[in-house]
Amino acid sequence: MEGVRSRYIYKGKVIALRVDELEDGRVREVVEHNGSVAILPVLDDGRVVLERHYRHAIGKELIEIPAGKVEEGESVEECAQRELVEETGYRAGRLEYMGRCYMTPGYCNELIHFFIASNLERVSSVSMDEDEEINLLVISIDEAIEKALANEIEDAKTLYALLRYAMFQH
């Protein structure tokens, strides 16, 4: 953007924090993120594989779909397969792109790409990162939607994926 002076306050392994000073004197704080993927795994019987995932930032466990950060040089499809295996132990025989969205564009550039994973094959046990606490939850899509409507699912990416999946099915 022309007329912007930027400086980095923090650069970490997941995010960077940049402060932009605009030409008119306004200041904007921007969280930079390399992007991520989110995967809705669907078993052959139609049930979905969700996760009970403890999130330190909010101090509680959420019901979520598998997701993760795109690594440098990695395609979103490669990332989706990697995260699916790491978090669930399943590999997808088929990945179908559902769409993408920005989760918090007011201050963050993270773009999340969504996939439906099907023709699942169990290839390993769950292999979490050191900062992850995950337990799998396998339920019907109807039960997942009921949980969403009852506010038992509070994770935005999971709500988006369930909505898109329901739209794909009709």
Protein backbone atom coordinates (compact mmCIF):
# COMPACT_ATOMS: atom_id res chain seq x y z
CA MET A 1 0.00 0.00 0.00
CA GLU A 2 1.41 3.39 -0.98
CA GLY A 3 2.08 5.94 1.75
CA VAL A 4 2.37 3.35 4.52
CA ARG A 5 5.28 2.97 6.90
CA SER A 6 5.43 -0.49 8.43
CA ARG A 7 7.45 -1.92 11.27
CA TYR A 8 7.41 -5.34 12.85
CA ILE A 9 6.79 -5.60 16.57
CA TYR A 10 7.00 -9.38 16.76
CA LYS A 11 7.84 -12.31 14.46
CA GLY A 12 7.07 -15.80 15.73
CA LYS A 13 6.62 -19.26 14.24
CA VAL A 14 2.84 -18.85 13.80
CA ILE A 15 2.25 -15.10 13.43
CA ALA A 16 3.96 -11.76 12.98
CA LEU A 17 2.64 -8.45 14.33
CA ARG A 18 3.11 -5.43 12.11
CA VAL A 19 2.21 -1.81 12.84
CA ASP A 20 1.32 0.29 9.79
CA GLU A 21 1.35 4.08 9.96
CA LEU A 22 -0.93 5.40 7.22
CA GLU A 23 -0.36 8.59 5.26
CA ASP A 24 -3.14 10.39 7.14
CA GLY A 25 -1.61 9.54 10.54
CA ARG A 26 -3.87 6.64 11.43
CA VAL A 27 -2.22 3.52 12.84
CA ARG A 28 -3.24 -0.06 12.06
CA GLU A 29 -2.05 -3.19 13.83
CA VAL A 30 -1.91 -6.20 11.52
CA VAL A 31 -1.43 -9.84 12.43
CA GLU A 32 0.29 -11.62 9.53
CA HIS A 33 -0.40 -15.32 9.09
CA ASN A 34 0.78 -17.67 6.34
CA GLY A 35 -2.72 -19.09 5.89
CA SER A 36 -4.29 -22.32 7.00
CA VAL A 37 -6.51 -25.21 6.04
CA ALA A 38 -9.52 -26.79 7.72
CA ILE A 39 -10.76 -30.26 6.89
CA LEU A 40 -14.15 -31.90 7.44
CA PRO A 41 -13.40 -35.65 7.46
CA VAL A 42 -16.41 -37.76 6.41
CA LEU A 43 -16.35 -41.52 7.01
CA ASP A 44 -17.90 -43.96 4.54
CA ASP A 45 -20.99 -44.28 6.77
CA GLY A 46 -21.53 -40.49 6.67
CA ARG A 47 -20.31 -39.72 10.19
CA VAL A 48 -17.84 -36.87 10.61
CA VAL A 49 -14.60 -36.87 12.58
CA LEU A 50 -14.37 -33.88 14.90
CA GLU A 51 -11.93 -33.02 17.66
CA ARG A 52 -12.23 -31.93 21.25
CA HIS A 53 -9.33 -29.52 21.30
CA TYR A 54 -8.13 -27.56 24.34
CA ARG A 55 -7.39 -23.94 23.39
CA HIS A 56 -5.12 -22.11 25.80
CA ALA A 57 -6.05 -18.62 24.51
CA ILE A 58 -9.64 -19.04 25.71
CA GLY A 59 -8.94 -21.50 28.51
CA LYS A 60 -11.33 -24.22 27.42
CA GLU A 61 -11.96 -27.12 25.12
CA LEU A 62 -13.74 -26.59 21.79
CA ILE A 63 -15.28 -29.00 19.31
CA GLU A 64 -13.50 -28.38 16.01
CA ILE A 65 -12.60 -29.85 12.66
CA PRO A 66 -8.93 -30.69 12.01
CA ALA A 67 -6.99 -27.65 10.86
CA GLY A 68 -3.52 -26.22 10.69
CA LYS A 69 -1.09 -23.67 9.35
CA VAL A 70 0.26 -23.90 5.81
CA GLU A 71 4.05 -24.33 5.95
CA GLU A 72 6.39 -22.39 3.66
CA GLY A 73 6.44 -24.00 0.19
CA GLU A 74 3.51 -26.32 0.97
CA SER A 75 0.32 -26.37 -1.12
CA VAL A 76 -3.01 -26.15 0.68
CA GLU A 77 -3.81 -29.72 -0.48
CA GLU A 78 -0.52 -31.04 0.95
CA CYS A 79 -1.19 -29.19 4.18
CA ALA A 80 -4.72 -30.62 4.40
CA GLN A 81 -3.45 -34.19 4.03
CA ARG A 82 -0.63 -33.61 6.54
CA GLU A 83 -2.90 -32.05 9.17
CA LEU A 84 -5.56 -34.73 8.68
CA VAL A 85 -3.04 -37.53 9.31
CA GLU A 86 -1.38 -35.72 12.24
CA GLU A 87 -4.61 -34.87 14.05
CA THR A 88 -6.83 -37.87 13.23
CA GLY A 89 -4.63 -40.67 11.89
CA TYR A 90 -6.69 -40.76 8.67
CA ARG A 91 -5.52 -40.11 5.11
CA ALA A 92 -8.06 -38.92 2.54
CA GLY A 93 -8.47 -40.83 -0.71
CA ARG A 94 -10.37 -37.77 -1.91
CA LEU A 95 -10.08 -34.10 -0.96
CA GLU A 96 -12.78 -31.78 -2.25
CA TYR A 97 -12.27 -28.02 -2.04
CA MET A 98 -15.23 -26.30 -0.32
CA GLY A 99 -14.11 -22.69 -0.37
CA ARG A 100 -12.12 -20.18 1.61
CA CYS A 101 -12.68 -17.29 3.96
CA TYR A 102 -10.93 -14.71 6.11
CA MET A 103 -11.71 -15.27 9.78
CA THR A 104 -10.80 -11.85 11.24
CA PRO A 105 -9.97 -9.46 8.37
CA GLY A 106 -10.23 -6.39 10.58
CA TYR A 107 -6.74 -7.07 11.88
CA CYS A 108 -5.47 -10.40 10.46
CA ASN A 109 -4.69 -11.57 6.92
CA GLU A 110 -5.21 -15.30 7.66
CA LEU A 111 -7.03 -17.01 4.79
CA ILE A 112 -8.46 -20.45 5.60
CA HIS A 113 -9.03 -23.00 2.83
CA PHE A 114 -11.73 -25.62 3.51
CA PHE A 115 -11.83 -29.22 2.32
CA ILE A 116 -14.12 -32.23 2.60
CA ALA A 117 -12.02 -35.36 3.14
CA SER A 118 -13.58 -38.68 2.13
CA ASN A 119 -12.52 -42.24 1.27
CA LEU A 120 -10.66 -42.16 4.57
CA GLU A 121 -8.05 -44.76 5.41
CA ARG A 122 -6.60 -45.17 8.90
CA VAL A 123 -2.82 -44.90 8.45
CA SER A 124 -1.47 -44.02 11.90
CA SER A 125 -2.32 -43.01 15.40
CA VAL A 126 -2.82 -39.35 16.24
CA SER A 127 0.50 -37.46 16.26
CA MET A 128 -0.09 -34.09 17.90
CA ASP A 129 2.21 -31.11 18.12
CA GLU A 130 3.62 -30.52 21.61
CA ASP A 131 1.12 -27.71 22.26
CA GLU A 132 -1.97 -29.72 21.24
CA GLU A 133 -4.43 -31.63 23.40
CA ILE A 134 -6.89 -33.41 21.09
CA ASN A 135 -9.51 -36.16 21.52
CA LEU A 136 -11.51 -37.39 18.53
CA LEU A 137 -15.31 -37.23 18.42
CA VAL A 138 -17.05 -39.25 15.68
CA ILE A 139 -20.72 -38.26 15.23
CA SER A 140 -23.37 -38.00 12.53
CA ILE A 141 -23.57 -34.82 10.50
CA ASP A 142 -27.06 -34.25 11.93
CA GLU A 143 -25.68 -34.45 15.47
CA ALA A 144 -22.88 -32.04 14.54
CA ILE A 145 -25.41 -29.56 13.17
CA GLU A 146 -27.54 -29.97 16.33
CA LYS A 147 -24.45 -29.20 18.43
CA ALA A 148 -23.78 -26.13 16.29
CA LEU A 149 -27.36 -24.87 16.71
CA ALA A 150 -27.17 -25.48 20.47
CA ASN A 151 -23.94 -23.43 20.69
CA GLU A 152 -21.99 -26.52 21.73
CA ILE A 153 -19.76 -25.84 18.72
CA GLU A 154 -18.33 -22.34 19.11
CA ASP A 155 -15.42 -22.53 16.67
CA ALA A 156 -15.99 -20.33 13.61
CA LYS A 157 -14.11 -22.47 11.10
CA THR A 158 -16.10 -25.54 12.17
CA LEU A 159 -19.40 -23.68 11.89
CA TYR A 160 -18.41 -22.44 8.41
CA ALA A 161 -17.42 -25.96 7.31
CA LEU A 162 -20.67 -27.50 8.56
CA LEU A 163 -22.69 -24.84 6.74
CA ARG A 164 -20.76 -25.34 3.49
CA TYR A 165 -21.05 -29.12 3.78
CA ALA A 166 -24.81 -28.89 4.33
CA MET A 167 -25.03 -26.67 1.24
CA PHE A 168 -22.96 -29.15 -0.81
CA GLN A 169 -25.34 -31.96 0.14
CA HIS A 170 -28.48 -30.16 -1.13
